[in-house]
């Protein structure tokens, strides 16, 4: 019984010593003000939190926790939902002998959770405001792989790299991942500001410079998207985010941040934009883009005292083509019509498919002093001449026939709605007269047949 009592008494003394030590740490640091995480460092922390599954800590110069992810909370003290303002010395023995800046690259400590033995705390990066630590349960395999290597791999696969630049100098640091983002192997080139600037696309260099100066002058976050050139000439898109860092005298001496490859995101955004504004089958602009273009064309014509022609084009007998030849041939007819209409238009004009077998052309820059009848005749002749050639490799021979309705700004309408309605009505009037006819709208928006409407008689 005496030996057992002594053992129990010894355990009690050890437990009380640990409790007193932790209370002493909290008391010594209780009055210290806990600074907020710098905006730029917060960006880095949030980025890493989304790419790694291990515990991640942001610790200030005094050893207090500024931020942590959920994995760190589960490893350190799963009974406490928020570890902010807790002192790192609660977990790391002898932490008071180091500062976050001078501490060894790796330290060891104990979890406050049941079931965990030892933890490893690996210093990943530091700046003038905080130090980032990676926290993991200690195991032999972890020692062999190395937490630093895991961090580098997470950056590489997420296509995210960290950088810092001594403002006003050529000194630039790149993490390993940035080499790959710029198309190089690590060690293949030596990072410098001059080298970095040479890899920025020439059209975006002033944008990058302006963003850096704005951040330095205003204290705003440096956040810019720009293009870079790979060694093989490939153009890539990256997003660069960072903030300035001040020295002990309050002077800006460094910028730090992250860079991320967003080429795939840009491609997806471009594809979504194209799908929203273009017809899938023919690749032509759709009705939405037509209305946007027509609005701008009307404004330009109003300022320049010129005309805008709006031509509704309806393919005749298209349903019969689908029924007799099949939808595959019908699609070929639509694509061929789109191609031939595109060949008619000038560089500033527009051809759109607005549905089914209906197309629209917008022609700008028609001079008001010229004959309206002559202008509409020339436009219609160009369209019908393009359609007069049979489609290749289709038996029996198949030729595209169409009906055209033409409305002119400002004679037949002063806005999009009146012009579209006038051209639509004119097209139906031409369609009643048979194949390859055109009709011009009246000022009253009631279509009438042009005296030159039958182009079969035009030589």
Protein backbone atom coordinates (compact mmCIF):
# COMPACT_ATOMS: atom_id res chain seq x y z
CA UNK A 1 0.00 0.00 0.00
CA UNK A 2 2.87 2.39 0.83
CA UNK A 3 4.50 1.94 -2.60
CA UNK A 4 1.15 2.41 -4.37
CA UNK A 5 0.46 5.58 -2.41
CA UNK A 6 3.85 6.98 -3.33
CA UNK A 7 3.21 6.29 -7.04
CA UNK A 8 -0.19 7.97 -6.91
CA UNK A 9 1.26 10.92 -5.04
CA UNK A 10 4.00 11.30 -7.68
CA UNK A 11 1.46 11.28 -10.52
CA UNK A 12 -0.59 13.91 -8.71
CA UNK A 13 2.46 16.15 -8.32
CA UNK A 14 3.32 15.86 -12.03
CA UNK A 15 -0.25 16.67 -13.08
CA UNK A 16 -0.36 19.71 -10.77
CA UNK A 17 2.98 20.91 -12.17
CA UNK A 18 1.68 20.73 -15.72
CA UNK A 19 -1.49 22.62 -14.78
CA UNK A 20 0.46 25.32 -12.95
CA UNK A 21 2.83 25.68 -15.90
CA UNK A 22 -0.04 26.18 -18.35
CA UNK A 23 -1.76 28.65 -16.03
CA UNK A 24 1.51 30.57 -15.73
CA UNK A 25 1.83 30.83 -19.52
CA UNK A 26 -1.70 32.17 -19.83
CA UNK A 27 -1.13 34.65 -17.01
CA UNK A 28 2.15 35.93 -18.44
CA UNK A 29 0.59 36.55 -21.83
CA UNK A 30 -2.94 37.46 -20.77
CA UNK A 31 -2.35 41.22 -20.99
CA UNK A 32 -0.68 41.12 -24.40
CA UNK A 33 -2.68 42.49 -27.27
CA UNK A 34 -3.46 39.94 -29.99
CA UNK A 35 -2.98 41.60 -33.39
CA UNK A 36 -5.13 40.74 -36.35
CA UNK A 37 -3.78 38.69 -39.23
CA UNK A 38 -2.50 40.91 -42.03
CA UNK A 39 -4.75 41.00 -45.08
CA UNK A 40 -2.11 39.58 -47.41
CA UNK A 41 -1.18 36.77 -45.00
CA UNK A 42 -4.84 35.91 -44.54
CA UNK A 43 -5.05 35.34 -48.29
CA UNK A 44 -2.12 32.93 -48.12
CA UNK A 45 -3.59 31.12 -45.11
CA UNK A 46 -7.03 30.74 -46.73
CA UNK A 47 -5.48 29.48 -49.95
CA UNK A 48 -3.43 26.81 -48.17
CA UNK A 49 -6.40 25.79 -46.02
CA UNK A 50 -8.26 24.84 -49.20
CA UNK A 51 -5.45 22.69 -50.58
CA UNK A 52 -4.14 20.66 -47.62
CA UNK A 53 -5.92 18.29 -45.25
CA UNK A 54 -3.45 18.61 -42.37
CA UNK A 55 -3.61 21.04 -39.48
CA UNK A 56 -2.59 24.62 -40.29
CA UNK A 57 -1.78 27.35 -37.75
CA UNK A 58 -1.04 31.06 -38.07
CA UNK A 59 0.96 32.25 -35.04
CA UNK A 60 1.98 35.82 -34.17
CA UNK A 61 5.41 36.91 -32.91
CA UNK A 62 4.44 36.28 -29.29
CA UNK A 63 3.35 32.71 -29.94
CA UNK A 64 -0.41 33.29 -29.94
CA UNK A 65 -2.72 31.54 -32.43
CA UNK A 66 -4.18 34.00 -34.93
CA UNK A 67 -5.97 31.48 -37.11
CA UNK A 68 -6.34 27.72 -37.56
CA UNK A 69 -8.24 25.32 -39.75
CA UNK A 70 -10.61 22.59 -38.56
CA UNK A 71 -7.98 19.86 -38.81
CA UNK A 72 -5.70 21.77 -36.41
CA UNK A 73 -8.52 22.20 -33.91
CA UNK A 74 -9.23 18.46 -33.97
CA UNK A 75 -5.55 17.67 -33.39
CA UNK A 76 -4.79 20.23 -30.70
CA UNK A 77 -7.93 20.35 -28.56
CA UNK A 78 -11.11 18.87 -29.94
CA UNK A 79 -13.02 20.01 -26.87
CA UNK A 80 -12.51 23.67 -27.82
CA UNK A 81 -14.16 24.92 -31.00
CA UNK A 82 -12.06 28.09 -31.27
CA UNK A 83 -8.36 28.09 -30.40
CA UNK A 84 -7.81 31.78 -31.21
CA UNK A 85 -5.65 33.62 -28.66
CA UNK A 86 -4.42 30.32 -27.18
CA UNK A 87 -0.67 30.18 -26.60
CA UNK A 88 1.34 27.65 -28.59
CA UNK A 89 3.31 26.81 -25.46
CA UNK A 90 0.28 24.85 -24.23
CA UNK A 91 1.20 22.15 -26.73
CA UNK A 92 4.92 22.58 -27.43
CA UNK A 93 7.31 21.94 -24.54
CA UNK A 94 10.06 24.57 -24.12
CA UNK A 95 8.36 26.87 -26.61
CA UNK A 96 9.31 29.81 -24.39
CA UNK A 97 12.93 29.21 -25.32
CA UNK A 98 12.21 30.12 -28.96
CA UNK A 99 10.34 32.76 -30.91
CA UNK A 100 8.21 31.77 -33.94
CA UNK A 101 10.90 33.38 -36.12
CA UNK A 102 13.93 31.62 -34.60
CA UNK A 103 12.32 28.35 -33.63
CA UNK A 104 13.64 25.12 -35.22
CA UNK A 105 12.08 24.13 -38.51
CA UNK A 106 10.35 21.27 -36.72
CA UNK A 107 9.25 21.02 -33.09
CA UNK A 108 7.31 18.41 -31.15
CA UNK A 109 4.50 18.66 -28.66
CA UNK A 110 1.57 16.90 -27.05
CA UNK A 111 -2.09 17.01 -28.00
CA UNK A 112 -4.70 17.93 -25.39
CA UNK A 113 -7.08 15.41 -26.95
CA UNK A 114 -7.48 11.85 -25.76
CA UNK A 115 -5.97 9.27 -28.08
CA UNK A 116 -3.15 11.39 -29.51
CA UNK A 117 0.40 10.98 -28.32
CA UNK A 118 2.86 13.38 -29.95
CA UNK A 119 2.43 16.04 -32.63
CA UNK A 120 4.91 17.55 -35.06
CA UNK A 121 4.87 21.31 -35.69
CA UNK A 122 6.66 22.19 -38.94
CA UNK A 123 7.39 25.82 -39.80
CA UNK A 124 6.30 26.40 -43.41
CA UNK A 125 6.82 30.11 -43.97
CA UNK A 126 7.03 33.37 -42.05
CA UNK A 127 6.79 37.09 -42.65
CA UNK A 128 6.79 40.23 -40.55
CA UNK A 129 3.38 39.51 -39.03
CA UNK A 130 3.02 35.77 -38.59
CA UNK A 131 4.45 32.28 -38.97
CA UNK A 132 2.60 29.36 -40.54
CA UNK A 133 2.92 25.91 -38.95
CA UNK A 134 1.81 22.56 -40.31
CA UNK A 135 0.50 20.25 -37.55
CA UNK A 136 0.36 16.47 -37.91
CA UNK A 137 0.31 13.40 -35.66
CA UNK A 138 3.90 12.20 -35.32
CA UNK A 139 4.69 8.92 -37.09
CA UNK A 140 7.63 7.24 -38.76
CA UNK A 141 6.19 7.62 -42.26
CA UNK A 142 5.67 11.33 -41.70
CA UNK A 143 9.29 11.74 -40.68
CA UNK A 144 10.44 9.99 -43.85
CA UNK A 145 8.24 12.02 -46.21
CA UNK A 146 8.75 15.35 -44.48
CA UNK A 147 6.08 17.94 -43.90
CA UNK A 148 7.91 20.49 -46.02
CA UNK A 149 7.75 18.14 -49.01
CA UNK A 150 4.01 17.66 -48.45
CA UNK A 151 3.55 21.41 -48.42
CA UNK A 152 5.48 21.79 -51.67
CA UNK A 153 3.46 19.04 -53.32
CA UNK A 154 0.17 20.64 -52.27
CA UNK A 155 1.29 23.90 -53.86
CA UNK A 156 2.40 22.13 -57.04
CA UNK A 157 -0.82 20.19 -57.60
CA UNK A 158 -3.00 23.17 -56.70
CA UNK A 159 -0.90 25.34 -59.09
CA UNK A 160 -0.38 27.87 -56.31
CA UNK A 161 2.95 29.40 -55.37
CA UNK A 162 4.17 31.93 -52.82
CA UNK A 163 6.46 34.87 -53.59
CA UNK A 164 8.03 37.84 -51.89
CA UNK A 165 9.76 40.85 -53.39
CA UNK A 166 12.07 43.39 -51.81
CA UNK A 167 10.32 46.52 -53.08
CA UNK A 168 12.42 48.70 -55.33
CA UNK A 169 15.10 46.04 -55.86
CA UNK A 170 15.65 43.10 -58.19
CA UNK A 171 15.48 40.61 -55.30
CA UNK A 172 12.58 38.18 -55.75
CA UNK A 173 11.82 34.85 -54.06
CA UNK A 174 9.75 32.11 -55.69
CA UNK A 175 8.46 28.98 -54.02
CA UNK A 176 9.04 25.75 -55.94
CA UNK A 177 5.54 25.73 -57.44
CA UNK A 178 5.98 29.09 -59.20
CA UNK A 179 8.70 27.72 -61.45
CA UNK A 180 6.20 25.30 -62.96
CA UNK A 181 3.53 27.98 -63.23
CA UNK A 182 5.94 30.01 -65.39
CA UNK A 183 6.92 26.94 -67.46
CA UNK A 184 10.34 26.17 -65.92
CA UNK A 185 11.96 23.46 -63.85
CA UNK A 186 13.22 24.49 -60.44
CA UNK A 187 16.80 25.72 -60.78
CA UNK A 188 16.50 26.24 -64.51
CA UNK A 189 16.28 30.02 -64.02
CA UNK A 190 17.15 32.42 -61.21
CA UNK A 191 14.14 34.46 -60.04
CA UNK A 192 14.55 38.21 -60.16
CA UNK A 193 12.12 41.05 -60.66
CA UNK A 194 13.63 41.84 -64.06
CA UNK A 195 13.26 38.21 -65.17
CA UNK A 196 9.69 38.03 -63.87
CA UNK A 197 8.73 41.24 -65.67
CA UNK A 198 10.20 39.89 -68.94
CA UNK A 199 7.82 36.90 -68.75
CA UNK A 200 4.71 39.08 -68.37
CA UNK A 201 2.83 39.51 -71.65
CA UNK A 202 3.89 42.86 -73.20
CA UNK A 203 0.28 44.08 -73.32
CA UNK A 204 -0.16 43.44 -69.56
CA UNK A 205 3.08 44.84 -68.16
CA UNK A 206 1.72 48.30 -67.41
CA UNK A 207 -1.26 46.68 -65.68
CA UNK A 208 1.06 44.75 -63.36
CA UNK A 209 3.16 47.85 -62.60
CA UNK A 210 0.07 49.92 -61.86
CA UNK A 211 -1.28 47.28 -59.47
CA UNK A 212 1.97 47.17 -57.51
CA UNK A 213 2.17 50.96 -57.21
CA UNK A 214 -1.46 51.22 -56.11
CA UNK A 215 -0.93 48.66 -53.35
CA UNK A 216 2.19 50.47 -52.11
CA UNK A 217 0.59 53.92 -52.24
CA UNK A 218 -2.85 53.08 -50.82
CA UNK A 219 -2.29 49.93 -48.78
CA UNK A 220 -4.94 48.08 -50.82
CA UNK A 221 -4.55 44.39 -51.58
CA UNK A 222 -2.57 43.76 -54.76
CA UNK A 223 -4.96 41.60 -56.82
CA UNK A 224 -4.48 41.39 -60.58
CA UNK A 225 -5.03 38.91 -63.40
CA UNK A 226 -2.61 38.97 -66.30
CA UNK A 227 -0.99 36.85 -68.99
CA UNK A 228 2.50 35.38 -68.99
CA UNK A 229 4.61 33.86 -71.76
CA UNK A 230 6.06 30.37 -71.37
CA UNK A 231 9.47 29.58 -72.88
CA UNK A 232 7.75 27.90 -75.86
CA UNK A 233 5.58 30.96 -76.50
CA UNK A 234 2.43 29.54 -74.89
CA UNK A 235 0.24 32.19 -73.26
CA UNK A 236 -1.01 31.39 -69.75
CA UNK A 237 -3.27 33.34 -67.39
CA UNK A 238 -2.35 33.83 -63.73
CA UNK A 239 -3.85 35.65 -60.76
CA UNK A 240 -1.48 37.37 -58.37
CA UNK A 241 -2.56 38.43 -54.88
CA UNK A 242 -0.45 40.06 -52.19
CA UNK A 243 0.14 42.94 -49.84
CA UNK A 244 2.99 45.10 -48.62
CA UNK A 245 5.03 44.48 -45.46
CA UNK A 246 6.56 47.24 -43.31
CA UNK A 247 9.83 47.09 -41.41
CA UNK A 248 10.38 48.17 -37.81
CA UNK A 249 10.49 51.84 -38.87
CA UNK A 250 7.09 51.63 -40.54
CA UNK A 251 8.59 51.75 -44.02
CA UNK A 252 7.35 49.51 -46.83
CA UNK A 253 10.21 47.20 -47.72
CA UNK A 254 8.57 44.05 -49.04
CA UNK A 255 5.55 42.67 -50.89
CA UNK A 256 4.41 39.10 -50.29
CA UNK A 257 1.63 36.99 -51.71
CA UNK A 258 0.50 34.06 -53.80
CA UNK A 259 0.24 33.42 -57.53
CA UNK A 260 -2.15 30.94 -59.11
CA UNK A 261 -2.56 29.56 -62.64
CA UNK A 262 -6.11 30.41 -63.81
CA UNK A 263 -5.74 29.44 -67.48
CA UNK A 264 -8.34 26.65 -67.26
CA UNK A 265 -10.75 28.91 -65.39
CA UNK A 266 -10.38 31.57 -68.09
CA UNK A 267 -11.02 28.98 -70.80
CA UNK A 268 -14.16 27.76 -69.01
CA UNK A 269 -15.41 31.32 -68.55
CA UNK A 270 -14.79 32.07 -72.23
CA UNK A 271 -16.62 28.90 -73.24
CA UNK A 272 -19.62 29.75 -71.03
CA UNK A 273 -19.70 33.27 -72.46
CA UNK A 274 -19.57 31.88 -75.99
CA UNK A 275 -22.39 29.41 -75.30
CA UNK A 276 -24.49 32.25 -73.89
CA UNK A 277 -23.93 34.47 -76.95
CA UNK A 278 -23.54 32.06 -79.88
CA UNK A 279 -25.56 29.41 -81.67
CA UNK A 280 -24.15 25.95 -80.98
CA UNK A 281 -24.68 24.47 -84.46
CA UNK A 282 -23.46 27.28 -86.70
CA UNK A 283 -21.22 29.21 -84.29
CA UNK A 284 -22.99 32.44 -85.25
CA UNK A 285 -24.04 35.06 -82.69
CA UNK A 286 -27.48 34.39 -81.20
CA UNK A 287 -30.42 36.76 -80.60
CA UNK A 288 -28.93 38.16 -77.39
CA UNK A 289 -25.73 39.20 -79.13
CA UNK A 290 -27.72 40.47 -82.13
CA UNK A 291 -29.70 42.87 -79.95
CA UNK A 292 -26.54 44.10 -78.20
CA UNK A 293 -24.78 44.68 -81.53
CA UNK A 294 -27.81 46.34 -83.14
CA UNK A 295 -28.19 48.78 -80.24
CA UNK A 296 -24.58 49.92 -80.65
CA UNK A 297 -24.96 50.09 -84.44
CA UNK A 298 -27.98 52.39 -84.10
CA UNK A 299 -26.07 54.67 -81.74
CA UNK A 300 -23.12 54.87 -84.13
CA UNK A 301 -25.39 55.58 -87.11
CA UNK A 302 -27.22 58.29 -85.19
CA UNK A 303 -23.92 59.99 -84.39
CA UNK A 304 -22.45 59.56 -87.89
CA UNK A 305 -25.68 60.40 -89.80
CA UNK A 306 -25.53 57.06 -91.63
CA UNK A 307 -27.92 54.15 -92.20
CA UNK A 308 -28.10 50.66 -90.72
CA UNK A 309 -29.72 47.83 -92.69
CA UNK A 310 -31.43 44.98 -90.82
CA UNK A 311 -32.12 41.95 -93.05
CA UNK A 312 -34.32 39.04 -91.97
CA UNK A 313 -33.41 35.91 -93.96
CA UNK A 314 -35.73 32.91 -93.95
CA UNK A 315 -34.72 29.67 -95.72
CA UNK A 316 -37.53 28.39 -97.92
CA UNK A 317 -38.69 24.73 -97.92
CA UNK A 318 -36.49 23.89 -94.95
CA UNK A 319 -39.07 21.56 -93.39
CA UNK A 320 -39.29 19.64 -96.67
CA UNK A 321 -35.50 19.32 -96.73
CA UNK A 322 -35.52 17.80 -93.25
CA UNK A 323 -38.36 15.43 -94.18
CA UNK A 324 -36.87 14.32 -97.53
CA UNK A 325 -33.14 14.30 -96.80
CA UNK A 326 -33.03 13.89 -93.02
CA UNK A 327 -31.96 16.19 -90.19
CA UNK A 328 -28.28 15.60 -90.86
CA UNK A 329 -28.62 17.19 -94.30
CA UNK A 330 -30.82 19.88 -92.75
CA UNK A 331 -28.00 20.76 -90.38
CA UNK A 332 -25.60 20.93 -93.34
CA UNK A 333 -27.94 23.40 -95.03
CA UNK A 334 -27.97 25.62 -91.92
CA UNK A 335 -24.20 25.51 -91.54
CA UNK A 336 -23.69 26.22 -95.28
CA UNK A 337 -26.13 29.12 -95.14
CA UNK A 338 -24.26 30.54 -92.13
CA UNK A 339 -20.93 30.22 -93.92
CA UNK A 340 -22.14 31.87 -97.11
CA UNK A 341 -23.82 34.75 -95.26
CA UNK A 342 -20.60 35.31 -93.34
CA UNK A 343 -18.76 35.59 -96.67
CA UNK A 344 -21.16 38.35 -97.75
CA UNK A 345 -20.73 40.57 -94.69
CA UNK A 346 -17.95 43.07 -94.18
CA UNK A 347 -15.65 43.07 -91.14
CA UNK A 348 -17.85 45.40 -89.06
CA UNK A 349 -21.17 43.74 -89.97
CA UNK A 350 -22.97 40.95 -88.12
CA UNK A 351 -24.68 37.70 -89.12
CA UNK A 352 -26.76 35.96 -86.46
CA UNK A 353 -28.97 32.89 -86.26
CA UNK A 354 -32.05 33.64 -84.18
CA UNK A 355 -33.68 30.22 -84.38
CA UNK A 356 -34.76 27.44 -86.75
CA UNK A 357 -34.14 28.51 -90.35
CA UNK A 358 -34.04 32.26 -89.62
CA UNK A 359 -30.94 34.42 -89.89
CA UNK A 360 -30.37 38.15 -89.49
CA UNK A 361 -27.74 40.44 -91.01
CA UNK A 362 -26.83 43.89 -89.67
CA UNK A 363 -25.00 46.12 -92.17
CA UNK A 364 -23.62 49.46 -91.01
CA UNK A 365 -22.20 52.55 -92.66
CA UNK A 366 -24.73 52.97 -95.49
CA UNK A 367 -24.67 56.59 -96.60
CA UNK A 368 -28.00 58.41 -96.41
CA UNK A 369 -27.42 60.36 -99.65
CA UNK A 370 -27.37 57.14 -101.70
CA UNK A 371 -30.56 55.66 -103.14
CA UNK A 372 -32.33 53.44 -100.62
CA UNK A 373 -33.73 51.26 -103.41
CA UNK A 374 -30.29 50.75 -104.91
CA UNK A 375 -28.70 49.90 -101.56
CA UNK A 376 -31.31 47.27 -100.69
CA UNK A 377 -31.06 45.81 -104.21
CA UNK A 378 -27.29 45.39 -103.94
CA UNK A 379 -27.53 43.78 -100.51
CA UNK A 380 -30.16 41.29 -101.67
CA UNK A 381 -28.26 40.45 -104.85
CA UNK A 382 -25.15 39.55 -102.79
CA UNK A 383 -27.13 37.18 -100.56
CA UNK A 384 -28.98 35.44 -103.40
CA UNK A 385 -25.78 35.04 -105.43
CA UNK A 386 -24.14 33.25 -102.49
CA UNK A 387 -27.13 30.90 -102.14
CA UNK A 388 -27.33 30.11 -105.89
CA UNK A 389 -24.58 27.47 -105.80
CA UNK A 390 -25.81 23.92 -105.07
CA UNK A 391 -24.66 22.18 -101.91
CA UNK A 392 -21.78 19.80 -102.69
CA UNK A 393 -22.05 16.00 -102.37
CA UNK A 394 -25.85 15.87 -102.12
CA UNK A 395 -27.96 13.92 -104.61
CA UNK A 396 -30.31 14.95 -106.05
CA UNK A 397 -28.93 18.47 -106.32
CA UNK A 398 -29.99 20.79 -103.53
CA UNK A 399 -29.92 24.59 -103.68
CA UNK A 400 -30.73 27.01 -100.89
CA UNK A 401 -33.61 29.41 -101.55
CA UNK A 402 -34.53 32.25 -99.23
CA UNK A 403 -36.87 35.20 -98.59
CA UNK A 404 -35.48 38.52 -97.37
CA UNK A 405 -37.14 41.30 -95.38
CA UNK A 406 -35.23 44.57 -95.09
CA UNK A 407 -35.65 47.43 -92.63
CA UNK A 408 -33.44 50.53 -92.61
CA UNK A 409 -32.53 52.85 -89.75
CA UNK A 410 -33.71 55.59 -89.50
CA UNK A 411 -36.33 55.32 -92.30
CA UNK A 412 -38.21 52.29 -90.92
CA UNK A 413 -37.56 52.52 -87.20
CA UNK A 414 -35.58 54.38 -84.56
CA UNK A 415 -34.99 51.51 -82.12
CA UNK A 416 -34.40 47.77 -81.97
CA UNK A 417 -38.02 46.69 -81.54
CA UNK A 418 -39.45 48.70 -84.44
CA UNK A 419 -36.66 47.65 -86.78
CA UNK A 420 -36.97 43.95 -85.92
CA UNK A 421 -40.74 44.07 -86.36
CA UNK A 422 -40.52 45.95 -89.66
CA UNK A 423 -37.94 43.53 -91.10
CA UNK A 424 -39.96 40.52 -89.93
CA UNK A 425 -43.13 41.76 -91.60
CA UNK A 426 -41.23 42.57 -94.79
CA UNK A 427 -39.77 39.05 -94.87
CA UNK A 428 -43.24 37.44 -94.68
CA UNK A 429 -44.40 39.69 -97.51
CA UNK A 430 -41.49 38.53 -99.66
CA UNK A 431 -42.13 34.88 -98.75
CA UNK A 432 -45.69 35.10 -100.13
CA UNK A 433 -44.22 35.98 -103.53
CA UNK A 434 -42.13 32.80 -103.85
CA UNK A 435 -38.46 31.88 -103.79
CA UNK A 436 -35.57 34.35 -103.84
CA UNK A 437 -37.62 37.49 -103.29
CA UNK A 438 -36.91 40.47 -101.08
CA UNK A 439 -39.22 43.09 -99.62
CA UNK A 440 -38.48 46.46 -98.02
CA UNK A 441 -40.44 47.81 -95.10
CA UNK A 442 -42.42 51.04 -95.35
CA UNK A 443 -42.06 54.01 -93.06
CA UNK A 444 -45.39 53.00 -91.54
CA UNK A 445 -43.72 49.64 -90.73
CA UNK A 446 -46.08 47.87 -93.14
CA UNK A 447 -44.02 45.85 -95.60
CA UNK A 448 -44.37 46.41 -99.29
CA UNK A 449 -42.73 44.76 -102.25
CA UNK A 450 -39.81 46.65 -103.74
CA UNK A 451 -40.09 47.54 -107.43
CA UNK A 452 -36.81 45.66 -107.78
CA UNK A 453 -37.86 42.73 -105.62
CA UNK A 454 -37.55 39.95 -108.20
CA UNK A 455 -33.82 39.35 -108.56
CA UNK A 456 -34.29 36.56 -111.06
CA UNK A 457 -34.41 39.32 -113.67
CA UNK A 458 -31.10 40.87 -112.55
CA UNK A 459 -28.20 39.97 -114.80
